[in-house]
Amino acid sequence: MSKKHREQHEEHMDESWLVPYADILTLLLALFIVLFASSTLDNQKFNALKESLNAALNSGAGIMDSRNMSELMVDKSQLTQDTIVELQQLKRQMDNYIQENHMNADIETRITDNALTLTIRDRALFDSGSAVVKPESRNIMVAMSDILQQYPKYEVLVSGHTDNQPINTREFESNWDLSSKRAINCMKILLENPSLDPRRLVAVGYGEYRPIADNATVEGRAQNRRVEVMIKQKILE
């Protein structure tokens, strides 16, 4: 090969390796963005982020619009802070009701994962083996509905739970049936408040399968027999 030919060859080297190299950099950037976003964004905005990433990768743009990305982060930060403040306020209202009615031993409130959960011992609501809310206990759910109507942005999940002692009666064939009916009956009392949108509420029975204590002890089984009301901000439409 002549010297002139070698020089021309060197001047026109194959640069196709730059394409996969750029793709790798893009994928790495996308990975870090997704990992960060998954810990800070709600589901709706995370999906929007995912779609933007897919569009960027498919179009070959390689990166997202940094302006849009910062807006997502700021919006989520503000949303989370507002949610926590509102949940703390809601918790104080419920705690005041609990203290005024001397029900501290039967109702517990706690905030976890941007949700407020109220745990109500079954003895505060039902007779043993029954799903009928005791007349004197209806006020618990009525007071709760009065408070919930002040927070229309929140969804409410009412869940029933039992211990692991089997039940087989004319009314309830299993703990699934008992826990489900208890949750539904509590939800029905909440919905007697016409200001509550029924679309916000869900009732579910978990039976014995989500214990919070050891079923081997009397005390543990008593803790597992409960109704939980989880209040969480719904995904914006």
Protein backbone atom coordinates (compact mmCIF):
# COMPACT_ATOMS: atom_id res chain seq x y z
CA MET A 1 0.00 0.00 0.00
CA SER A 2 1.41 3.38 -1.00
CA LYS A 3 2.04 6.10 1.55
CA LYS A 4 -0.58 8.30 -0.11
CA HIS A 5 -3.18 5.53 0.02
CA ARG A 6 -2.47 4.89 3.73
CA GLU A 7 -2.93 8.58 4.53
CA GLN A 8 -6.28 8.64 2.73
CA HIS A 9 -7.36 5.51 4.60
CA GLU A 10 -6.45 7.04 7.96
CA GLU A 11 -8.36 10.22 7.12
CA HIS A 12 -11.54 8.19 6.48
CA MET A 13 -11.49 5.72 9.38
CA ASP A 14 -14.75 3.99 10.23
CA GLU A 15 -16.45 6.02 12.98
CA SER A 16 -19.51 3.77 13.33
CA TRP A 17 -18.33 2.84 16.86
CA LEU A 18 -19.47 6.27 18.00
CA VAL A 19 -23.13 5.29 17.55
CA PRO A 20 -23.23 2.42 20.10
CA TYR A 21 -21.01 4.46 22.41
CA ALA A 22 -23.52 7.32 22.37
CA ASP A 23 -26.35 4.84 22.93
CA ILE A 24 -24.60 3.45 26.01
CA LEU A 25 -24.19 6.92 27.47
CA THR A 26 -27.85 7.64 26.80
CA LEU A 27 -28.96 4.40 28.49
CA LEU A 28 -26.78 5.10 31.52
CA LEU A 29 -28.27 8.57 31.83
CA ALA A 30 -31.77 7.13 31.51
CA LEU A 31 -31.02 4.51 34.16
CA PHE A 32 -29.85 7.08 36.72
CA ILE A 33 -32.85 9.31 36.01
CA VAL A 34 -35.30 6.43 36.42
CA LEU A 35 -33.67 5.23 39.65
CA PHE A 36 -33.84 8.71 41.11
CA ALA A 37 -37.35 9.36 39.86
CA SER A 38 -38.74 6.09 41.18
CA SER A 39 -37.91 7.18 44.72
CA THR A 40 -39.35 10.67 44.43
CA LEU A 41 -42.24 10.68 41.97
CA ASP A 42 -45.80 9.49 42.37
CA ASN A 43 -47.10 6.83 39.98
CA GLN A 44 -48.74 9.20 37.54
CA LYS A 45 -45.71 11.42 37.11
CA PHE A 46 -43.38 8.45 37.05
CA ASN A 47 -45.34 7.06 34.09
CA ALA A 48 -45.09 10.44 32.39
CA LEU A 49 -41.37 10.40 33.00
CA LYS A 50 -41.10 6.88 31.58
CA GLU A 51 -42.97 7.91 28.44
CA SER A 52 -40.67 10.89 28.00
CA LEU A 53 -37.64 8.65 28.35
CA ASN A 54 -39.00 6.19 25.80
CA ALA A 55 -39.74 9.01 23.41
CA ALA A 56 -36.25 10.41 23.85
CA LEU A 57 -34.59 7.05 23.32
CA ASN A 58 -36.71 6.09 20.33
CA SER A 59 -36.21 9.44 18.66
CA GLY A 60 -32.49 9.38 19.25
CA ALA A 61 -32.58 12.62 21.20
CA GLY A 62 -30.54 10.98 23.92
CA ILE A 63 -31.56 13.24 26.84
CA MET A 64 -34.74 14.65 28.35
CA ASP A 65 -35.71 18.27 28.46
CA SER A 66 -34.04 19.37 31.71
CA ARG A 67 -36.68 22.05 32.17
CA ASN A 68 -39.50 19.46 32.19
CA MET A 69 -37.50 17.23 34.49
CA SER A 70 -37.02 20.00 37.08
CA GLU A 71 -40.72 20.86 36.94
CA LEU A 72 -41.61 17.25 37.79
CA MET A 73 -39.28 17.28 40.77
CA VAL A 74 -40.55 20.58 42.13
CA ASP A 75 -44.20 19.59 41.72
CA LYS A 76 -43.63 16.29 43.54
CA SER A 77 -41.76 17.97 46.37
CA GLN A 78 -44.55 20.46 46.92
CA LEU A 79 -47.22 17.76 46.64
CA THR A 80 -45.52 15.52 49.17
CA GLN A 81 -45.06 18.32 51.68
CA ASP A 82 -48.68 19.44 51.36
CA THR A 83 -49.86 15.85 51.75
CA ILE A 84 -47.85 15.33 54.93
CA VAL A 85 -49.15 18.56 56.44
CA GLU A 86 -52.75 17.64 55.66
CA LEU A 87 -52.34 14.10 56.99
CA GLN A 88 -50.85 15.44 60.21
CA GLN A 89 -53.80 17.78 60.57
CA LEU A 90 -56.24 14.93 59.92
CA LYS A 91 -54.40 12.77 62.47
CA ARG A 92 -54.69 15.50 65.12
CA GLN A 93 -58.44 15.69 64.55
CA MET A 94 -58.81 11.95 64.94
CA ASP A 95 -56.51 11.86 67.98
CA ASN A 96 -58.60 14.56 69.64
CA TYR A 97 -61.75 12.52 69.10
CA ILE A 98 -60.06 9.39 70.45
CA GLN A 99 -58.84 11.15 73.60
CA GLU A 100 -62.12 12.91 74.26
CA ASN A 101 -63.95 9.59 74.08
CA HIS A 102 -61.32 7.64 76.04
CA MET A 103 -60.66 5.22 73.20
CA ASN A 104 -56.85 5.21 73.23
CA ALA A 105 -56.78 1.49 74.01
CA ASP A 106 -58.95 0.64 71.02
CA ILE A 107 -57.87 2.99 68.22
CA GLU A 108 -54.35 3.74 67.01
CA THR A 109 -53.35 6.30 64.38
CA ARG A 110 -50.08 6.41 62.46
CA ILE A 111 -48.68 8.07 59.34
CA THR A 112 -46.61 5.89 57.01
CA ASP A 113 -45.78 6.21 53.30
CA ASN A 114 -47.79 9.41 52.90
CA ALA A 115 -50.91 7.71 54.26
CA LEU A 116 -52.78 7.89 57.55
CA THR A 117 -53.87 4.52 58.92
CA LEU A 118 -56.38 4.10 61.73
CA THR A 119 -56.35 0.70 63.40
CA ILE A 120 -59.54 -0.14 65.33
CA ARG A 121 -59.72 -3.20 67.58
CA ASP A 122 -62.66 -5.42 66.71
CA ARG A 123 -63.99 -5.26 70.29
CA ALA A 124 -64.62 -1.53 69.79
CA LEU A 125 -66.96 -2.25 66.87
CA PHE A 126 -68.31 -5.80 66.96
CA ASP A 127 -69.43 -8.61 69.19
CA SER A 128 -67.43 -11.81 68.85
CA GLY A 129 -68.08 -13.54 65.52
CA SER A 130 -70.41 -10.77 64.35
CA ALA A 131 -70.07 -8.25 61.52
CA VAL A 132 -72.82 -5.95 62.80
CA VAL A 133 -71.41 -2.70 64.11
CA LYS A 134 -72.60 -2.23 67.67
CA PRO A 135 -75.10 0.68 67.97
CA GLU A 136 -72.94 2.45 70.55
CA SER A 137 -69.93 2.14 68.24
CA ARG A 138 -71.44 3.69 65.15
CA ASN A 139 -70.31 7.11 66.41
CA ILE A 140 -66.72 6.11 65.68
CA MET A 141 -67.40 5.76 61.97
CA VAL A 142 -69.75 8.76 61.90
CA ALA A 143 -67.09 11.00 63.46
CA MET A 144 -64.57 9.65 60.97
CA SER A 145 -66.85 10.46 58.04
CA ASP A 146 -67.33 14.03 59.32
CA ILE A 147 -63.57 14.48 59.33
CA LEU A 148 -63.00 12.77 55.98
CA GLN A 149 -65.43 15.05 54.19
CA GLN A 150 -62.98 17.89 54.86
CA TYR A 151 -60.35 16.12 52.74
CA PRO A 152 -61.95 15.38 49.35
CA LYS A 153 -58.60 14.66 47.66
CA TYR A 154 -58.09 11.48 49.65
CA GLU A 155 -59.11 7.90 48.98
CA VAL A 156 -60.18 5.62 51.81
CA LEU A 157 -59.45 1.88 52.03
CA VAL A 158 -61.39 0.05 54.73
CA SER A 159 -59.93 -3.40 55.42
CA GLY A 160 -61.10 -6.15 57.74
CA HIS A 161 -58.71 -8.55 59.51
CA THR A 162 -59.16 -11.58 61.76
CA ASP A 163 -56.98 -13.89 63.81
CA ASN A 164 -56.19 -17.40 62.61
CA GLN A 165 -58.93 -19.13 64.55
CA PRO A 166 -61.24 -20.78 62.00
CA ILE A 167 -64.88 -19.78 61.82
CA ASN A 168 -67.69 -21.73 60.19
CA THR A 169 -71.14 -20.47 61.03
CA ARG A 170 -74.43 -20.16 59.21
CA GLU A 171 -73.49 -16.59 58.25
CA PHE A 172 -69.74 -16.88 57.73
CA GLU A 173 -68.06 -19.88 56.17
CA SER A 174 -64.56 -18.51 56.70
CA ASN A 175 -62.51 -15.63 58.06
CA TRP A 176 -62.54 -14.19 54.53
CA ASP A 177 -66.30 -13.78 54.76
CA LEU A 178 -66.23 -12.29 58.26
CA SER A 179 -63.45 -9.80 57.55
CA SER A 180 -65.00 -8.71 54.25
CA LYS A 181 -68.44 -8.16 55.75
CA ARG A 182 -67.00 -6.17 58.65
CA ALA A 183 -65.13 -3.90 56.25
CA ILE A 184 -68.22 -3.40 54.09
CA ASN A 185 -70.45 -2.59 57.07
CA CYS A 186 -67.96 0.01 58.33
CA MET A 187 -67.75 1.54 54.87
CA LYS A 188 -71.54 1.72 54.64
CA ILE A 189 -71.68 3.83 57.79
CA LEU A 190 -69.08 6.20 56.34
CA LEU A 191 -71.16 6.51 53.19
CA GLU A 192 -74.23 7.55 55.16
CA ASN A 193 -72.57 10.95 55.00
CA PRO A 194 -73.86 12.37 51.67
CA SER A 195 -70.81 14.63 51.40
CA LEU A 196 -68.51 11.65 50.83
CA ASP A 197 -68.05 10.59 47.23
CA PRO A 198 -68.56 6.79 47.06
CA ARG A 199 -65.86 6.58 44.38
CA ARG A 200 -63.32 7.47 47.05
CA LEU A 201 -64.00 4.40 49.18
CA VAL A 202 -63.00 0.76 48.88
CA ALA A 203 -63.69 -2.14 51.27
CA VAL A 204 -61.68 -5.37 51.36
CA GLY A 205 -61.34 -8.38 53.64
CA TYR A 206 -57.92 -9.93 54.28
CA GLY A 207 -59.05 -12.63 56.67
CA GLU A 208 -56.19 -13.95 58.79
CA TYR A 209 -53.49 -13.34 56.20
CA ARG A 210 -52.09 -9.97 57.24
CA PRO A 211 -51.38 -10.35 60.94
CA ILE A 212 -49.60 -7.66 62.91
CA ALA A 213 -48.93 -9.85 65.95
CA ASP A 214 -48.29 -13.47 66.88
CA ASN A 215 -51.44 -15.58 66.68
CA ALA A 216 -49.90 -18.00 69.18
CA THR A 217 -50.93 -15.74 72.09
CA VAL A 218 -54.28 -14.39 73.25
CA GLU A 219 -52.93 -10.85 73.15
CA GLY A 220 -51.57 -11.31 69.64
CA ARG A 221 -54.84 -12.66 68.31
CA ALA A 222 -56.67 -9.72 69.87
CA GLN A 223 -54.41 -7.31 68.00
CA ASN A 224 -54.94 -9.13 64.71
CA ARG A 225 -58.74 -8.85 64.97
CA ARG A 226 -59.14 -5.33 63.67
CA VAL A 227 -60.47 -2.94 61.06
CA GLU A 228 -58.00 -0.61 59.38
CA VAL A 229 -58.92 2.60 57.62
CA MET A 230 -56.15 3.85 55.32
CA ILE A 231 -56.45 7.41 54.06
CA LYS A 232 -54.19 8.25 51.14
CA GLN A 233 -54.14 10.99 48.53
CA LYS A 234 -55.51 9.69 45.28
CA ILE A 235 -53.52 9.93 42.05
CA LEU A 236 -54.49 13.12 40.28
CA GLU A 237 -56.53 12.64 37.13
